[in-house]
Amino acid sequence: MLRPLTENPDWWRGAVIYQIYPRSYQDSNGDGIGDLLGITNRLPHIASLGVDAIWISPFFTSPMRDFGYDVSDYCDVDPMFGSLADFDALISMAHQLGVKVMIDLVLSHTSIDHPWFAESRVSKDNPKSNWYVWADAKPDGTPPSNWLSIFGGSAWQWDAQRCQYYLHNFLTTQPDLNFHEPEVQDALLKVAEFWLQRGVDGFRLDTINFYVHDQELRDNPALPAERRNPITAPAANPYTWQDHQYDKNRPENLEFLRKLRTLMNQYGAAAVGEVGDDLYGLDILGEYTSGGDKVQMSYAFELLSSVPPTAQYVSEVMGAVDEKAPEGWVCWAFSNHDVPRHISRWKLTDAAARAYTTLMMCLRGSVCIYQGEELGLPEAELRFEDLQDPYGIQFWPEFKGRDGCRTPMVWDNNNQNGGFSSGHPWLPVSHDHLPRAVSEQEKDPGALLHHYRKAIHFRHSHEALVKGTHDTVRAEGTVVCFTRKSESEEIFVAVNLSGDPYTIEMPEGDWHQIGIELGSTGPAPDGKLHLGPWQPALALKHTPKA
């Protein structure tokens, strides 16, 4: 039975979404691993931020070789995280607090432990023989194509049972599903419907541009060194040496996305897709989020990269979005579970972190913030012996993997585990994080945690920031500036992304300073904006209705 449509099916547009990595959020039973009940217990903290929704990374049944991104049962909860009843309780509590729930669907691949793969590998003519991407070896026994795994090495793994290669864009234990098989698409749509009927409000779609492969298995062309832009994979990984035209980014993917959107529309649900590509990320984002018949929003990696977002860089990225995705909708993020935390990645001071938070809440699009970001947590430094991430173990020490951003959340500064667990945590709690614990920041009115609350509230208080248009985003020296506009208001935004003061001209009009609690300044008597280091200027002009 379908639940009623949400009162606002457009709720996702301009929403602020809080990402939870469940292994590291809150442990409720002392086994050192976070769980669904732990998340439920911490929902009041999340609601206090004023966010619209949470996105929970995978909690499905899994052998955990890639920590939940290798699913062996799409329609159940792994016992380490709890049960379906625990998930139902989480949904109920979140909705009572006015927070929507999005879950992370990993549709491009499964675990080798999934029953579908166990059946598929038995023979070349069983009912699920075509559910995964199988191919014969070349005459010399080598793989069918030159495709590479994002985790290193060939994307093809020989299977002695079937005497064929299977495709794996990630770990060898994560075989890719064959989206050219209609039964696969139907099965995955049933998975989505299972969770929609259970009450979820939407999905984060992992590796959305990896779903479909080239049926001819054509080799990817080489990418000249000067065109390599290692955003989605580290420079130490030769994955960045190819132009990935055939192993992902295929136009046939659009058909499946339309089917998924049709299903989501029945429930008023929304999806944000992860577009991972160094060359075509914004082009794909524009294609996948345009027309109102595919996914509602996507994020690329431009602001998840190691490039510090100067005013010039931000203006270039926003200009590229306007050019390549004029009808699209971006979900901006500075940090997530796959990249070093942006406080460390960009070497930010607390003042700089505040400036970037204010900027993010003023950009056109939706927003994802990652657990602990509201505390200004830096990347945790781990010893090789403590690593759990196979990606980091493979490329250490040139690339240290993703564990540094996945260490447990810190709630209290009164024990070595930061209030995360009464047991031994699956990853060590960083002692550098303890002074930034929630309990400590709640007591300090000037803490970054309170700035996040103010910035999110400021965004929600202005229709122009949630759903409005923007003019050209431009850089004036170290200041990035633009105007957001709705039917009832215009808001001028200028943020000095520098540790030095800078002065710009104020645009003409009857502007009134707003956002004082965010450190905003206003125009001087000479009509100019004199911005201090890392200072924003936010000004409002009411637009009379016709």
Protein backbone atom coordinates (compact mmCIF):
# COMPACT_ATOMS: atom_id res chain seq x y z
CA MET A 1 0.00 0.00 0.00
CA LEU A 2 1.42 3.37 -1.02
CA ARG A 3 1.86 5.95 1.69
CA PRO A 4 0.46 9.47 1.02
CA LEU A 5 2.58 11.83 -1.00
CA THR A 6 4.62 14.26 1.04
CA GLU A 7 2.99 17.67 1.40
CA ASN A 8 5.96 19.17 -0.44
CA PRO A 9 7.34 16.86 -3.16
CA ASP A 10 9.87 19.59 -3.91
CA TRP A 11 11.34 19.32 -0.37
CA TRP A 12 14.76 18.30 -1.69
CA ARG A 13 15.39 21.55 -3.57
CA GLY A 14 17.72 23.61 -1.43
CA ALA A 15 17.66 21.04 1.38
CA VAL A 16 20.48 20.56 3.88
CA ILE A 17 21.31 16.85 4.23
CA TYR A 18 23.41 15.41 7.08
CA GLN A 19 25.46 12.32 6.17
CA ILE A 20 25.88 9.57 8.78
CA TYR A 21 28.52 6.87 8.51
CA PRO A 22 26.77 4.35 10.78
CA ARG A 23 29.85 2.38 11.91
CA SER A 24 31.24 5.55 13.44
CA TYR A 25 28.29 7.59 14.71
CA GLN A 26 27.14 6.02 17.98
CA ASP A 27 27.54 2.52 19.42
CA SER A 28 24.60 1.48 21.60
CA ASN A 29 25.72 -2.00 22.71
CA GLY A 30 29.44 -1.72 23.49
CA ASP A 31 30.78 -3.78 20.59
CA GLY A 32 32.80 -0.82 19.26
CA ILE A 33 30.71 -0.44 16.10
CA GLY A 34 28.04 2.20 15.60
CA ASP A 35 24.49 1.00 14.93
CA LEU A 36 20.97 2.10 14.05
CA LEU A 37 19.84 2.39 17.67
CA GLY A 38 22.84 4.63 18.29
CA ILE A 39 21.76 6.90 15.43
CA THR A 40 18.23 7.04 16.80
CA ASN A 41 19.56 8.06 20.21
CA ARG A 42 21.52 10.92 18.61
CA LEU A 43 18.72 12.22 16.37
CA PRO A 44 18.00 15.15 18.73
CA HIS A 45 21.51 16.48 18.02
CA ILE A 46 20.91 16.21 14.28
CA ALA A 47 17.49 17.87 14.54
CA SER A 48 19.04 20.69 16.58
CA LEU A 49 21.19 21.60 13.59
CA GLY A 50 18.07 22.37 11.58
CA VAL A 51 18.86 19.98 8.72
CA ASP A 52 16.10 18.73 6.43
CA ALA A 53 17.24 15.13 6.04
CA ILE A 54 19.82 12.54 6.96
CA TRP A 55 21.65 10.27 4.53
CA ILE A 56 22.73 6.98 6.13
CA SER A 57 25.62 5.11 4.49
CA PRO A 58 24.93 1.38 3.87
CA PHE A 59 23.70 -0.75 6.76
CA PHE A 60 22.55 -3.74 4.67
CA THR A 61 23.71 -7.32 5.19
CA SER A 62 27.31 -7.49 4.02
CA PRO A 63 30.61 -9.33 4.58
CA MET A 64 32.02 -5.81 5.16
CA ARG A 65 35.07 -6.16 2.91
CA ASP A 66 34.24 -2.61 1.80
CA PHE A 67 32.30 -1.76 4.95
CA GLY A 68 28.78 -2.11 3.63
CA TYR A 69 29.35 -1.02 0.05
CA ASP A 70 29.48 -4.74 -0.81
CA VAL A 71 25.89 -5.85 -0.27
CA SER A 72 24.87 -9.48 0.16
CA ASP A 73 21.19 -8.76 0.95
CA TYR A 74 19.61 -5.48 -0.14
CA CYS A 75 16.45 -5.96 1.93
CA ASP A 76 17.77 -6.61 5.42
CA VAL A 77 19.90 -4.96 8.08
CA ASP A 78 23.29 -6.42 8.92
CA PRO A 79 23.14 -7.76 12.49
CA MET A 80 26.07 -5.56 13.53
CA PHE A 81 23.82 -2.53 12.88
CA GLY A 82 20.65 -3.98 14.38
CA SER A 83 17.42 -5.12 12.77
CA LEU A 84 14.63 -3.98 10.49
CA ALA A 85 12.67 -3.13 13.64
CA ASP A 86 15.52 -0.82 14.69
CA PHE A 87 15.38 0.84 11.28
CA ASP A 88 11.61 1.30 11.58
CA ALA A 89 12.14 2.96 14.97
CA LEU A 90 14.77 5.26 13.47
CA ILE A 91 12.39 6.30 10.68
CA SER A 92 9.61 6.95 13.17
CA MET A 93 11.76 9.08 15.48
CA ALA A 94 13.32 11.05 12.61
CA HIS A 95 9.91 11.87 11.18
CA GLN A 96 8.64 12.94 14.60
CA LEU A 97 11.57 15.37 14.75
CA GLY A 98 10.81 16.68 11.25
CA VAL A 99 13.86 15.04 9.66
CA LYS A 100 13.56 13.03 6.44
CA VAL A 101 15.57 9.84 5.94
CA MET A 102 17.60 8.97 2.84
CA ILE A 103 19.52 5.71 2.55
CA ASP A 104 22.57 4.81 0.48
CA LEU A 105 21.68 2.40 -2.35
CA VAL A 106 24.64 0.60 -3.93
CA LEU A 107 23.16 -0.60 -7.20
CA SER A 108 26.17 -0.86 -9.50
CA HIS A 109 27.60 -3.96 -7.83
CA THR A 110 27.03 -6.51 -5.07
CA SER A 111 29.24 -8.66 -2.89
CA ILE A 112 30.47 -12.00 -4.23
CA ASP A 113 28.48 -13.38 -1.28
CA HIS A 114 25.18 -12.24 -2.76
CA PRO A 115 22.95 -15.20 -3.75
CA TRP A 116 22.54 -13.64 -7.18
CA PHE A 117 26.27 -13.95 -7.85
CA ALA A 118 26.49 -17.42 -6.34
CA GLU A 119 23.91 -18.58 -8.89
CA SER A 120 25.34 -16.55 -11.77
CA ARG A 121 28.83 -18.03 -11.51
CA VAL A 122 27.64 -21.67 -11.59
CA SER A 123 27.22 -21.85 -15.37
CA LYS A 124 26.72 -19.88 -18.56
CA ASP A 125 23.08 -20.91 -18.92
CA ASN A 126 21.45 -20.68 -15.47
CA PRO A 127 18.56 -18.24 -14.84
CA LYS A 128 20.93 -15.56 -13.48
CA SER A 129 23.87 -16.28 -15.77
CA ASN A 130 23.50 -12.85 -17.39
CA TRP A 131 22.94 -10.87 -14.19
CA TYR A 132 26.63 -9.91 -13.92
CA VAL A 133 29.15 -8.76 -16.52
CA TRP A 134 30.87 -11.92 -17.73
CA ALA A 135 33.24 -12.12 -20.70
CA ASP A 136 35.63 -14.61 -22.29
CA ALA A 137 39.36 -14.10 -22.13
CA LYS A 138 41.27 -12.92 -25.15
CA PRO A 139 42.97 -15.73 -27.11
CA ASP A 140 46.12 -15.21 -25.05
CA GLY A 141 44.20 -15.54 -21.77
CA THR A 142 44.37 -11.86 -20.85
CA PRO A 143 41.31 -9.83 -19.77
CA PRO A 144 38.67 -8.80 -22.32
CA SER A 145 39.58 -5.09 -22.20
CA ASN A 146 42.00 -2.64 -20.64
CA TRP A 147 39.50 -1.40 -18.06
CA LEU A 148 40.95 -0.63 -14.64
CA SER A 149 39.54 -0.93 -11.14
CA ILE A 150 39.30 2.26 -9.13
CA PHE A 151 40.87 0.27 -6.27
CA GLY A 152 43.89 -0.69 -8.40
CA GLY A 153 44.75 -3.24 -11.09
CA SER A 154 42.55 -4.70 -13.80
CA ALA A 155 38.79 -4.35 -13.52
CA TRP A 156 38.49 -7.98 -14.64
CA GLN A 157 38.81 -10.99 -12.33
CA TRP A 158 39.16 -14.57 -13.58
CA ASP A 159 36.60 -16.99 -12.16
CA ALA A 160 37.77 -20.61 -12.29
CA GLN A 161 34.27 -21.96 -11.68
CA ARG A 162 32.78 -20.39 -14.81
CA CYS A 163 36.05 -20.08 -16.74
CA GLN A 164 35.32 -16.47 -17.63
CA TYR A 165 36.26 -13.04 -16.38
CA TYR A 166 33.79 -10.90 -14.42
CA LEU A 167 33.85 -7.11 -14.21
CA HIS A 168 34.54 -5.33 -10.92
CA ASN A 169 35.01 -1.57 -11.00
CA PHE A 170 35.98 -1.66 -7.33
CA LEU A 171 37.25 -4.59 -5.22
CA THR A 172 37.55 -8.04 -6.78
CA THR A 173 34.88 -9.06 -4.27
CA GLN A 174 32.42 -6.50 -5.71
CA PRO A 175 31.23 -7.87 -9.08
CA ASP A 176 29.33 -5.45 -11.29
CA LEU A 177 25.70 -6.09 -12.11
CA ASN A 178 24.71 -6.22 -15.78
CA PHE A 179 22.24 -3.40 -16.37
CA HIS A 180 21.74 -4.57 -19.95
CA GLU A 181 19.72 -7.44 -18.46
CA PRO A 182 16.10 -6.25 -17.93
CA GLU A 183 15.61 -8.64 -15.01
CA VAL A 184 18.46 -6.94 -13.14
CA GLN A 185 16.84 -3.54 -13.50
CA ASP A 186 13.50 -4.94 -12.36
CA ALA A 187 15.11 -6.57 -9.31
CA LEU A 188 16.84 -3.34 -8.29
CA LEU A 189 13.64 -1.33 -8.68
CA LYS A 190 11.97 -3.80 -6.33
CA VAL A 191 14.78 -3.16 -3.83
CA ALA A 192 14.10 0.58 -4.01
CA GLU A 193 10.36 -0.01 -3.59
CA PHE A 194 10.97 -2.22 -0.54
CA TRP A 195 12.60 0.70 1.29
CA LEU A 196 10.15 3.30 -0.03
CA GLN A 197 7.28 1.26 1.36
CA ARG A 198 9.16 1.11 4.65
CA GLY A 199 9.07 4.89 4.83
CA VAL A 200 12.36 6.23 3.46
CA ASP A 201 12.16 9.65 1.84
CA GLY A 202 14.86 9.11 -0.75
CA PHE A 203 18.20 7.69 -1.71
CA ARG A 204 21.81 8.58 -2.12
CA LEU A 205 22.85 6.60 -5.21
CA ASP A 206 26.40 5.33 -4.97
CA THR A 207 28.54 5.55 -8.14
CA ILE A 208 25.51 6.45 -10.25
CA ASN A 209 27.50 6.79 -13.49
CA PHE A 210 29.01 3.29 -13.15
CA TYR A 211 25.77 1.37 -13.65
CA VAL A 212 26.06 0.58 -17.36
CA HIS A 213 29.06 -0.67 -19.34
CA ASP A 214 29.78 -0.75 -23.06
CA GLN A 215 28.43 -4.04 -24.42
CA GLU A 216 31.21 -4.21 -27.01
CA LEU A 217 33.82 -4.03 -24.22
CA ARG A 218 35.88 -1.49 -26.16
CA ASP A 219 39.18 -0.37 -24.66
CA ASN A 220 39.31 3.02 -22.96
CA PRO A 221 41.67 5.44 -24.72
CA ALA A 222 44.77 6.62 -22.91
CA LEU A 223 44.62 10.01 -21.24
CA PRO A 224 47.61 12.31 -21.81
CA ALA A 225 49.39 13.30 -18.62
CA GLU A 226 48.46 16.96 -19.03
CA ARG A 227 44.73 16.07 -18.95
CA ARG A 228 44.86 13.93 -15.83
CA ASN A 229 42.91 15.42 -12.96
CA PRO A 230 43.07 13.00 -10.02
CA ILE A 231 39.85 13.85 -8.20
CA THR A 232 38.00 10.54 -7.97
CA ALA A 233 41.18 8.47 -7.53
CA PRO A 234 44.59 9.36 -6.08
CA ALA A 235 47.46 10.26 -8.40
CA ALA A 236 49.26 7.09 -7.28
CA ASN A 237 46.53 5.04 -8.98
CA PRO A 238 46.91 4.52 -12.79
CA TYR A 239 43.10 4.61 -13.00
CA THR A 240 43.58 8.30 -13.76
CA TRP A 241 45.57 7.44 -16.90
CA GLN A 242 42.47 6.49 -18.89
CA ASP A 243 39.61 8.37 -20.50
CA HIS A 244 36.77 6.27 -19.09
CA GLN A 245 34.43 6.31 -22.05
CA TYR A 246 33.40 2.66 -22.06
CA ASP A 247 33.51 1.25 -18.52
CA LYS A 248 31.09 3.93 -17.23
CA ASN A 249 29.24 7.10 -18.29
CA ARG A 250 27.15 5.22 -20.85
CA PRO A 251 24.03 6.88 -22.33
CA GLU A 252 22.00 3.69 -21.79
CA ASN A 253 21.97 4.56 -18.10
CA LEU A 254 19.31 7.22 -18.65
CA GLU A 255 16.61 4.60 -19.27
CA PHE A 256 17.10 3.09 -15.82
CA LEU A 257 17.21 6.48 -14.11
CA ARG A 258 13.86 7.36 -15.67
CA LYS A 259 12.34 4.12 -14.34
CA LEU A 260 13.68 4.86 -10.88
CA ARG A 261 12.33 8.44 -10.97
CA THR A 262 8.89 7.18 -11.98
CA LEU A 263 8.90 4.88 -8.95
CA MET A 264 10.14 7.61 -6.58
CA ASN A 265 7.47 10.03 -7.80
CA GLN A 266 4.79 7.66 -6.47
CA TYR A 267 6.18 8.23 -2.96
CA GLY A 268 7.29 11.85 -3.13
CA ALA A 269 10.86 10.63 -2.70
CA ALA A 270 14.07 12.15 -4.02
CA ALA A 271 17.56 10.97 -4.89
CA VAL A 272 21.03 12.46 -4.96
CA GLY A 273 23.49 10.71 -7.23
CA GLU A 274 27.24 10.43 -6.77
CA VAL A 275 28.91 11.25 -10.09
CA GLY A 276 32.51 10.09 -10.04
CA ASP A 277 34.47 11.25 -13.07
CA ASP A 278 37.52 13.45 -13.44
CA LEU A 279 36.70 14.73 -16.94
CA TYR A 280 32.93 14.71 -17.42
CA GLY A 281 31.51 15.04 -13.89
CA LEU A 282 29.55 18.25 -14.44
CA ASP A 283 28.38 17.21 -17.91
CA ILE A 284 26.98 13.98 -16.46
CA LEU A 285 25.47 15.82 -13.51
CA GLY A 286 23.68 18.15 -15.90
CA GLU A 287 22.40 15.24 -17.96
CA TYR A 288 21.23 13.16 -14.99
CA THR A 289 19.39 15.99 -13.19
CA SER A 290 17.74 17.76 -16.14
CA GLY A 291 14.27 17.33 -17.56
CA GLY A 292 12.48 16.39 -14.35
CA ASP A 293 12.48 12.69 -15.31
CA LYS A 294 15.74 11.39 -13.86
CA VAL A 295 17.33 12.01 -10.44
CA GLN A 296 16.57 15.25 -8.66
CA MET A 297 20.15 16.16 -7.73
CA SER A 298 23.71 14.93 -8.00
CA TYR A 299 27.11 15.89 -6.74
CA ALA A 300 30.40 15.85 -8.54
CA PHE A 301 33.84 16.17 -6.95
CA GLU A 302 34.83 19.77 -7.74
CA LEU A 303 34.49 20.89 -4.11
CA LEU A 304 35.56 17.51 -2.74
CA SER A 305 38.95 17.82 -4.41
CA SER A 306 42.28 18.76 -2.87
CA VAL A 307 42.26 22.10 -4.71
CA PRO A 308 41.69 24.89 -2.16
CA PRO A 309 38.56 26.73 -3.32
CA THR A 310 39.80 30.25 -3.82
CA ALA A 311 37.38 32.92 -4.99
CA GLN A 312 38.60 32.38 -8.55
CA TYR A 313 38.17 28.60 -8.31
CA VAL A 314 34.65 28.89 -6.88
CA SER A 315 33.65 31.29 -9.67
CA GLU A 316 35.06 28.90 -12.28
CA VAL A 317 33.21 25.92 -10.82
CA MET A 318 29.91 27.80 -10.62
CA GLY A 319 30.41 29.11 -14.14
CA ALA A 320 31.01 25.56 -15.36
CA VAL A 321 27.80 24.42 -13.65
CA ASP A 322 25.86 27.21 -15.35
CA GLU A 323 27.34 26.19 -18.69
CA LYS A 324 27.17 22.39 -18.45
CA ALA A 325 24.16 21.89 -16.17
CA PRO A 326 21.87 24.90 -16.72
CA GLU A 327 18.77 22.81 -15.95
CA GLY A 328 20.48 20.63 -13.34
CA TRP A 329 20.61 20.72 -9.57
CA VAL A 330 23.83 20.28 -7.64
CA CYS A 331 24.19 18.96 -4.11
CA TRP A 332 27.30 20.66 -2.73
CA ALA A 333 29.62 18.96 -0.26
CA PHE A 334 33.04 19.77 1.15
CA SER A 335 33.55 16.46 3.01
CA ASN A 336 32.21 12.91 2.99
CA HIS A 337 33.26 9.36 3.91
CA ASP A 338 35.54 9.00 0.86
CA VAL A 339 37.83 12.04 1.04
CA PRO A 340 40.04 13.63 3.71
CA ARG A 341 38.10 16.07 5.85
CA HIS A 342 38.15 19.53 4.31
CA ILE A 343 39.49 21.20 7.46
CA SER A 344 42.75 19.30 6.85
CA ARG A 345 42.51 19.01 3.08
CA TRP A 346 42.46 22.79 2.69
CA LYS A 347 44.39 23.57 5.90
CA LEU A 348 41.60 25.78 7.30
CA THR A 349 41.62 27.86 10.44
CA ASP A 350 38.39 28.13 12.43
CA ALA A 351 37.75 31.53 10.83
CA ALA A 352 38.21 30.06 7.36
CA ALA A 353 35.91 27.13 8.22
CA ARG A 354 33.20 29.60 9.20
CA ALA A 355 33.60 31.52 5.95
CA TYR A 356 33.30 28.39 3.82
CA THR A 357 30.27 27.21 5.79
CA THR A 358 28.54 30.54 5.23
CA LEU A 359 29.40 30.38 1.53
CA MET A 360 28.10 26.83 1.14
CA MET A 361 24.78 27.74 2.73
CA CYS A 362 24.39 30.57 0.21
CA LEU A 363 25.19 28.63 -2.97
CA ARG A 364 22.45 27.64 -5.38
CA GLY A 365 21.75 23.93 -4.96
CA SER A 366 21.28 21.57 -2.05
CA VAL A 367 23.90 20.85 0.60
CA CYS A 368 25.42 17.74 2.19
CA ILE A 369 27.36 18.03 5.42
CA TYR A 370 29.27 15.09 6.87
CA GLN A 371 29.13 13.96 10.48
CA GLY A 372 31.68 15.83 12.57
CA GLU A 373 31.94 18.60 10.02
CA GLU A 374 29.80 20.73 12.31
CA LEU A 375 32.54 20.29 14.93
CA GLY A 376 35.37 21.24 12.59
CA LEU A 377 37.01 17.83 12.98
CA PRO A 378 40.34 17.52 11.15
CA GLU A 379 41.47 14.35 9.39
CA ALA A 380 42.57 11.76 11.96
CA GLU A 381 46.12 10.47 11.71
CA LEU A 382 46.26 6.67 11.89
CA ARG A 383 49.05 4.15 12.05
CA PHE A 384 49.28 1.59 9.27
CA GLU A 385 48.46 -1.12 11.86
CA ASP A 386 45.13 0.60 12.58
CA LEU A 387 43.97 0.80 8.96
CA GLN A 388 40.78 -1.02 7.97
CA ASP A 389 40.23 0.45 4.50
CA PRO A 390 41.49 -1.89 1.73
CA TYR A 391 42.01 1.14 -0.52
CA GLY A 392 44.46 2.70 1.93
CA ILE A 393 46.23 -0.58 2.62
CA GLN A 394 46.73 -1.05 -1.14
CA PHE A 395 48.30 2.36 -1.80
CA TRP A 396 49.97 3.21 1.55
CA PRO A 397 51.80 5.50 2.21
CA GLU A 398 51.31 7.60 -0.96
CA PHE A 399 47.57 7.35 -0.32
CA LYS A 400 46.43 6.68 3.22
CA GLY A 401 42.90 5.63 2.37
CA ARG A 402 39.61 6.74 3.83
CA ASP A 403 39.88 5.71 7.47
CA GLY A 404 41.08 9.15 8.56
CA CYS A 405 37.66 10.66 7.83
CA ARG A 406 35.76 7.65 9.20
CA THR A 407 36.95 7.60 12.81
CA PRO A 408 34.23 7.73 15.48
CA MET A 409 32.19 10.82 16.23
CA VAL A 410 33.16 12.57 19.48
CA TRP A 411 30.35 13.40 21.85
CA ASP A 412 32.04 13.86 25.23
CA ASN A 413 35.52 14.88 26.32
CA ASN A 414 35.44 12.74 29.44
CA ASN A 415 36.86 9.43 28.23
CA GLN A 416 39.24 8.17 25.59
CA ASN A 417 36.40 7.00 23.32
CA GLY A 418 34.69 10.38 23.22
CA GLY A 419 31.32 8.97 24.27
CA PHE A 420 31.11 6.90 21.09
CA SER A 421 31.34 3.48 22.70
CA SER A 422 31.89 1.73 26.01
CA GLY A 423 33.89 -0.90 24.13
CA HIS A 424 36.96 -0.89 21.90
CA PRO A 425 36.14 1.22 18.81
CA TRP A 426 36.59 -0.33 15.38
CA LEU A 427 38.84 2.62 14.52
CA PRO A 428 40.69 4.56 17.19
CA VAL A 429 39.18 7.82 18.39
CA SER A 430 41.52 10.69 17.58
CA HIS A 431 42.75 12.42 20.73
CA ASP A 432 42.96 15.62 18.65
CA HIS A 433 39.18 15.39 18.23
CA LEU A 434 38.27 15.20 21.94
CA PRO A 435 38.55 18.96 22.67
CA ARG A 436 36.08 19.50 19.81
CA ALA A 437 33.47 17.10 21.22
CA VAL A 438 29.80 18.08 21.09
CA SER A 439 29.64 18.53 24.87
CA GLU A 440 32.52 21.00 24.80
CA GLN A 441 31.16 23.04 21.90
CA GLU A 442 27.65 23.20 23.36
CA LYS A 443 29.16 25.13 26.30
CA ASP A 444 31.00 27.61 24.06
CA PRO A 445 28.75 30.18 22.31
CA GLY A 446 31.56 30.94 19.85
CA ALA A 447 32.10 27.30 18.80
CA LEU A 448 31.82 26.20 15.18
CA LEU A 449 28.85 23.97 16.06
CA HIS A 450 26.73 27.04 16.79
CA HIS A 451 27.91 28.70 13.58
CA TYR A 452 26.57 25.72 11.59
CA ARG A 453 23.22 26.05 13.34
CA LYS A 454 23.08 29.77 12.56
CA ALA A 455 24.14 29.29 8.94
CA ILE A 456 21.56 26.55 8.32
CA HIS A 457 18.84 28.65 9.99
CA PHE A 458 19.88 31.66 7.91
CA ARG A 459 19.55 29.59 4.71
CA HIS A 460 16.10 28.32 5.66
CA SER A 461 14.96 31.85 6.55
CA HIS A 462 15.43 33.11 3.00
CA GLU A 463 13.57 31.70 0.02
CA ALA A 464 16.18 33.22 -2.29
CA LEU A 465 18.88 31.02 -0.75
CA VAL A 466 16.80 27.84 -0.78
CA LYS A 467 15.32 27.92 -4.27
CA GLY A 468 16.28 31.21 -5.88
CA THR A 469 18.31 31.92 -8.98
CA HIS A 470 21.76 33.42 -9.01
CA ASP A 471 23.55 35.81 -11.30
CA THR A 472 27.13 35.28 -12.44
CA VAL A 473 29.31 34.12 -9.59
CA ARG A 474 32.42 36.23 -9.86
CA ALA A 475 35.73 36.73 -8.12
CA GLU A 476 36.84 40.21 -7.15
CA GLY A 477 40.32 39.65 -5.87
CA THR A 478 39.99 37.28 -2.91
CA VAL A 479 36.23 37.86 -2.61
CA VAL A 480 33.62 35.62 -4.25
CA CYS A 481 30.32 37.43 -4.78
CA PHE A 482 26.91 36.87 -6.37
CA THR A 483 23.23 37.71 -5.98
CA ARG A 484 20.47 35.20 -5.18
CA LYS A 485 16.94 36.16 -6.18
CA SER A 486 13.40 34.91 -5.55
CA GLU A 487 10.01 36.51 -6.19
CA SER A 488 10.10 38.39 -2.89
CA GLU A 489 13.75 39.15 -2.19
CA GLU A 490 17.28 39.55 -3.47
CA ILE A 491 20.30 38.68 -1.36
CA PHE A 492 23.79 39.88 -2.16
CA VAL A 493 26.52 37.52 -0.96
CA ALA A 494 30.20 38.35 -0.76
CA VAL A 495 32.72 36.22 1.14
CA ASN A 496 36.37 37.05 1.56
CA LEU A 497 38.21 33.73 1.11
CA SER A 498 41.49 35.06 2.38
CA GLY A 499 43.36 35.83 5.58
CA ASP A 500 43.91 39.40 4.35
CA PRO A 501 41.34 42.24 4.22
CA TYR A 502 39.85 43.20 0.88
CA THR A 503 37.55 45.98 -0.34
CA ILE A 504 34.98 45.71 -3.14
CA GLU A 505 32.25 47.95 -4.57
CA MET A 506 28.73 47.41 -3.27
CA PRO A 507 26.16 46.89 -6.06
CA GLU A 508 23.64 49.67 -6.56
CA GLY A 509 20.31 49.52 -4.77
CA ASP A 510 18.66 49.82 -1.40
CA TRP A 511 20.53 47.03 0.41
CA HIS A 512 20.20 46.26 4.11
CA GLN A 513 22.76 44.27 6.07
CA ILE A 514 21.63 40.85 7.30
CA GLY A 515 23.37 37.84 8.80
CA ILE A 516 25.10 39.84 11.50
CA GLU A 517 25.25 36.72 13.68
CA LEU A 518 27.37 35.11 10.94
CA GLY A 519 29.95 37.88 11.13
CA SER A 520 28.50 39.73 8.16
CA THR A 521 29.57 43.29 7.49
CA GLY A 522 27.67 46.00 5.68
CA PRO A 523 28.52 48.84 3.28
CA ALA A 524 30.58 51.73 4.60
CA PRO A 525 29.44 55.37 4.14
CA ASP A 526 31.50 55.47 0.95
CA GLY A 527 29.35 52.67 -0.50
CA LYS A 528 32.15 50.14 -0.41
CA LEU A 529 32.45 46.85 1.39
CA HIS A 530 35.52 46.61 3.54
CA LEU A 531 35.84 42.92 4.30
CA GLY A 532 38.11 41.66 7.02
CA PRO A 533 39.95 38.33 6.81
CA TRP A 534 37.50 35.48 6.10
CA GLN A 535 34.54 37.83 6.53
CA PRO A 536 31.21 37.62 4.69
CA ALA A 537 28.93 40.44 3.65
CA LEU A 538 25.24 39.58 3.34
CA ALA A 539 22.67 42.15 2.27
CA LEU A 540 18.95 42.03 1.51
CA LYS A 541 16.81 43.94 -0.97
CA HIS A 542 13.07 43.31 -1.00
CA THR A 543 11.51 42.82 -4.41
CA PRO A 544 7.99 44.30 -4.68
CA LYS A 545 5.50 41.84 -6.14
CA ALA A 546 3.91 42.89 -9.38
